N, C-alpha and C. Protein backbone atom coordinates (compact mmCIF):
# COMPACT_ATOMS: atom_id res chain seq x y z
N MET A 1 0.88 -1.26 0.06
CA MET A 1 -0.01 0.04 0.11
C MET A 1 0.76 1.23 -0.05
N ASN A 2 0.43 2.17 -0.64
CA ASN A 2 1.22 3.51 -0.73
C ASN A 2 0.74 4.48 0.35
N PHE A 3 1.52 5.50 0.73
CA PHE A 3 1.11 6.33 1.81
C PHE A 3 -0.35 6.86 1.69
N LYS A 4 -0.76 7.29 0.56
CA LYS A 4 -2.10 7.86 0.35
C LYS A 4 -3.11 6.78 0.75
N GLU A 5 -2.96 5.54 0.27
CA GLU A 5 -3.95 4.48 0.64
C GLU A 5 -4.03 4.23 2.12
N THR A 6 -2.67 4.28 2.74
CA THR A 6 -2.75 4.00 4.24
C THR A 6 -3.36 5.02 4.98
N THR A 7 -3.11 6.28 4.62
CA THR A 7 -3.64 7.49 5.11
C THR A 7 -5.24 7.26 5.12
N GLU A 8 -5.85 7.06 3.85
CA GLU A 8 -7.10 6.98 3.53
C GLU A 8 -7.77 5.83 4.45
N LEU A 9 -7.08 4.82 4.47
CA LEU A 9 -7.72 3.66 5.27
C LEU A 9 -7.90 3.96 6.80
N ALA A 10 -6.76 4.85 7.35
CA ALA A 10 -6.78 5.20 8.58
C ALA A 10 -7.97 6.07 8.97
N ALA A 11 -8.27 6.95 7.90
CA ALA A 11 -9.39 7.91 8.27
C ALA A 11 -10.83 7.48 7.91
N LEU A 12 -10.97 6.35 7.29
CA LEU A 12 -12.24 5.82 6.75
C LEU A 12 -13.25 5.62 8.08
N PRO A 13 -12.71 4.83 9.21
CA PRO A 13 -13.77 4.69 10.27
C PRO A 13 -14.22 5.86 10.91
N ASP A 14 -13.42 7.05 11.05
CA ASP A 14 -13.80 8.18 11.60
C ASP A 14 -14.87 8.87 10.62
N GLN A 15 -14.64 8.83 9.21
CA GLN A 15 -15.57 9.35 8.35
C GLN A 15 -16.90 8.58 8.40
N ILE A 16 -16.89 7.32 8.58
CA ILE A 16 -18.02 6.60 8.66
C ILE A 16 -18.86 6.84 9.95
N ASP A 17 -18.07 6.96 10.99
CA ASP A 17 -18.62 7.29 12.22
C ASP A 17 -19.28 8.70 12.34
N ALA A 18 -18.67 9.67 11.68
CA ALA A 18 -19.24 10.95 11.53
C ALA A 18 -20.61 10.86 10.74
N CYS A 19 -20.67 10.17 9.64
CA CYS A 19 -22.00 10.00 8.97
C CYS A 19 -22.97 9.37 9.77
N GLU A 20 -22.57 8.48 10.61
CA GLU A 20 -23.73 7.53 11.30
C GLU A 20 -24.08 8.48 12.41
N GLN A 21 -23.32 9.32 13.14
CA GLN A 21 -23.58 10.17 14.05
C GLN A 21 -24.48 11.30 13.57
N GLU A 22 -24.19 11.85 12.30
CA GLU A 22 -25.19 12.70 11.67
C GLU A 22 -26.52 12.13 11.44
N ARG A 23 -26.61 10.94 11.07
CA ARG A 23 -27.76 10.16 10.80
C ARG A 23 -28.58 9.96 12.08
N VAL A 24 -28.05 9.77 13.19
CA VAL A 24 -28.69 9.63 14.56
C VAL A 24 -29.40 11.09 14.70
N VAL A 25 -28.63 12.13 14.54
CA VAL A 25 -29.06 13.38 14.96
C VAL A 25 -30.25 13.68 14.01
N LEU A 26 -30.35 13.36 12.63
CA LEU A 26 -31.31 13.50 11.84
C LEU A 26 -32.62 12.85 12.28
N TYR A 27 -32.32 11.56 12.59
CA TYR A 27 -33.55 10.80 13.04
C TYR A 27 -34.20 11.30 14.27
N ALA A 28 -33.31 11.72 15.11
CA ALA A 28 -33.91 12.39 16.31
C ALA A 28 -34.67 13.64 16.14
N GLN A 29 -34.18 14.50 15.09
CA GLN A 29 -35.03 15.57 14.65
C GLN A 29 -36.25 15.19 14.11
N LEU A 30 -36.33 14.08 13.22
CA LEU A 30 -37.54 13.64 12.51
C LEU A 30 -38.51 13.05 13.54
N ALA A 31 -38.14 12.74 14.89
CA ALA A 31 -38.89 12.18 15.78
C ALA A 31 -39.60 13.26 16.57
N ASP A 32 -39.10 14.51 16.41
CA ASP A 32 -39.53 15.71 17.06
C ASP A 32 -40.80 16.24 16.52
N PRO A 33 -41.96 16.24 17.24
CA PRO A 33 -43.21 16.77 16.53
C PRO A 33 -43.05 18.19 16.09
N ALA A 34 -42.26 19.11 16.84
CA ALA A 34 -42.11 20.46 16.43
C ALA A 34 -41.53 20.54 15.10
N PHE A 35 -40.31 19.62 14.90
CA PHE A 35 -39.51 19.65 13.77
C PHE A 35 -40.45 19.26 12.48
N LEU A 36 -41.29 18.44 12.72
CA LEU A 36 -42.17 17.77 11.75
C LEU A 36 -43.03 18.89 11.26
N ARG A 37 -43.38 19.83 12.00
CA ARG A 37 -44.10 20.87 11.42
C ARG A 37 -43.59 21.85 10.27
N ASP A 38 -42.29 21.69 10.16
CA ASP A 38 -41.53 22.47 9.17
C ASP A 38 -41.19 21.52 7.94
N GLY A 39 -42.25 21.60 7.07
CA GLY A 39 -42.01 20.60 5.87
C GLY A 39 -40.84 20.72 5.00
N ALA A 40 -40.38 21.99 4.85
CA ALA A 40 -38.99 22.29 4.16
C ALA A 40 -37.93 21.45 4.92
N ALA A 41 -37.80 21.82 6.21
CA ALA A 41 -36.83 21.07 6.95
C ALA A 41 -36.97 19.58 6.92
N VAL A 42 -38.09 19.00 6.95
CA VAL A 42 -38.22 17.70 6.88
C VAL A 42 -37.69 17.07 5.55
N ALA A 43 -38.23 17.76 4.50
CA ALA A 43 -37.76 17.31 3.09
C ALA A 43 -36.25 17.45 3.06
N LYS A 44 -35.67 18.49 3.65
CA LYS A 44 -34.22 18.59 3.61
C LYS A 44 -33.51 17.46 4.22
N ALA A 45 -33.95 17.09 5.45
CA ALA A 45 -33.49 16.01 6.39
C ALA A 45 -33.65 14.65 5.67
N LYS A 46 -34.68 14.51 4.99
CA LYS A 46 -34.85 13.16 4.20
C LYS A 46 -33.77 13.07 3.17
N VAL A 47 -33.74 14.12 2.36
CA VAL A 47 -32.71 14.23 1.26
C VAL A 47 -31.15 13.89 1.93
N ARG A 48 -30.88 14.59 3.18
CA ARG A 48 -29.63 14.44 3.58
C ARG A 48 -29.44 12.89 4.13
N LEU A 49 -30.49 12.37 4.61
CA LEU A 49 -30.44 10.93 5.18
C LEU A 49 -30.19 10.07 3.92
N ALA A 50 -30.73 10.34 2.85
CA ALA A 50 -30.53 9.45 1.45
C ALA A 50 -29.05 9.61 1.17
N ALA A 51 -28.54 10.96 1.21
CA ALA A 51 -27.14 11.11 0.91
C ALA A 51 -26.26 10.35 1.88
N ILE A 52 -26.56 10.33 3.14
CA ILE A 52 -25.78 9.78 4.19
C ILE A 52 -25.71 8.30 3.87
N ASP A 53 -26.64 7.68 3.64
CA ASP A 53 -26.91 6.18 3.31
C ASP A 53 -25.99 5.88 2.04
N THR A 54 -25.93 6.78 1.07
CA THR A 54 -25.05 6.65 -0.17
C THR A 54 -23.64 6.78 0.21
N ASP A 55 -23.38 7.80 1.10
CA ASP A 55 -21.94 8.02 1.60
C ASP A 55 -21.43 6.83 2.38
N VAL A 56 -22.16 6.32 3.24
CA VAL A 56 -21.74 5.15 4.20
C VAL A 56 -21.60 3.90 3.28
N ALA A 57 -22.42 3.65 2.30
CA ALA A 57 -22.26 2.52 1.55
C ALA A 57 -20.84 2.77 0.62
N ARG A 58 -20.61 3.89 0.11
CA ARG A 58 -19.43 4.26 -0.66
C ARG A 58 -18.15 3.98 0.20
N LEU A 59 -18.25 4.61 1.38
CA LEU A 59 -17.09 4.58 2.35
C LEU A 59 -16.84 3.07 2.88
N MET A 60 -17.97 2.34 3.07
CA MET A 60 -17.60 0.88 3.45
C MET A 60 -17.05 0.18 2.47
N ALA A 61 -17.63 0.32 1.05
CA ALA A 61 -16.96 -0.31 0.01
C ALA A 61 -15.53 0.03 -0.10
N ARG A 62 -15.12 1.22 0.07
CA ARG A 62 -13.80 1.74 -0.16
C ARG A 62 -12.89 1.14 1.01
N TRP A 63 -13.51 0.96 2.30
CA TRP A 63 -12.72 0.59 3.36
C TRP A 63 -12.47 -1.09 3.01
N GLU A 64 -13.53 -1.75 2.60
CA GLU A 64 -13.31 -3.13 2.30
C GLU A 64 -12.22 -3.46 1.16
N ALA A 65 -12.22 -2.42 0.27
CA ALA A 65 -11.26 -2.60 -0.84
C ALA A 65 -9.83 -2.44 -0.32
N LEU A 66 -9.70 -1.34 0.42
CA LEU A 66 -8.40 -0.95 0.99
C LEU A 66 -7.80 -2.04 2.06
N GLU A 67 -8.75 -2.59 2.83
CA GLU A 67 -8.46 -3.65 3.70
C GLU A 67 -8.04 -4.92 2.89
N ALA A 68 -8.59 -5.17 1.77
CA ALA A 68 -8.21 -6.28 0.86
C ALA A 68 -6.79 -6.10 0.36
N VAL A 69 -6.45 -4.77 0.00
CA VAL A 69 -5.11 -4.35 -0.67
C VAL A 69 -4.25 -4.55 0.56
N ALA A 70 -4.45 -4.11 1.77
CA ALA A 70 -3.58 -4.19 2.78
C ALA A 70 -3.30 -5.67 3.12
N ALA A 71 -4.41 -6.50 3.12
CA ALA A 71 -4.17 -7.95 3.50
C ALA A 71 -3.16 -8.65 2.45
N ASP A 72 -3.37 -8.29 1.12
CA ASP A 72 -2.53 -8.81 0.15
C ASP A 72 -1.09 -8.35 0.21
N ALA A 73 -0.99 -7.14 0.74
CA ALA A 73 0.36 -6.55 0.98
C ALA A 73 1.21 -7.32 2.08
N LYS A 74 0.41 -7.65 3.08
CA LYS A 74 1.03 -8.38 4.21
C LYS A 74 1.30 -9.84 4.01
N GLY A 75 0.54 -10.46 3.09
CA GLY A 75 0.83 -11.90 2.97
C GLY A 75 0.74 -12.49 1.80
């Protein structure tokens, strides 16, 4: 693995965690009846949740790919 890949691999868990934490916040907002009264905010939150799902899937796939490269490099 080159330096860039090693650095990227090390950063991926934190990036995934940040996305998942943001998802928790958004779900908490969507559970708040006061928040639900703001249709535009709800729509924006739903769009962001979809984007987070896409981001997490992409980051997980990249993590798996880099882990495979790292495993090949070790053995």
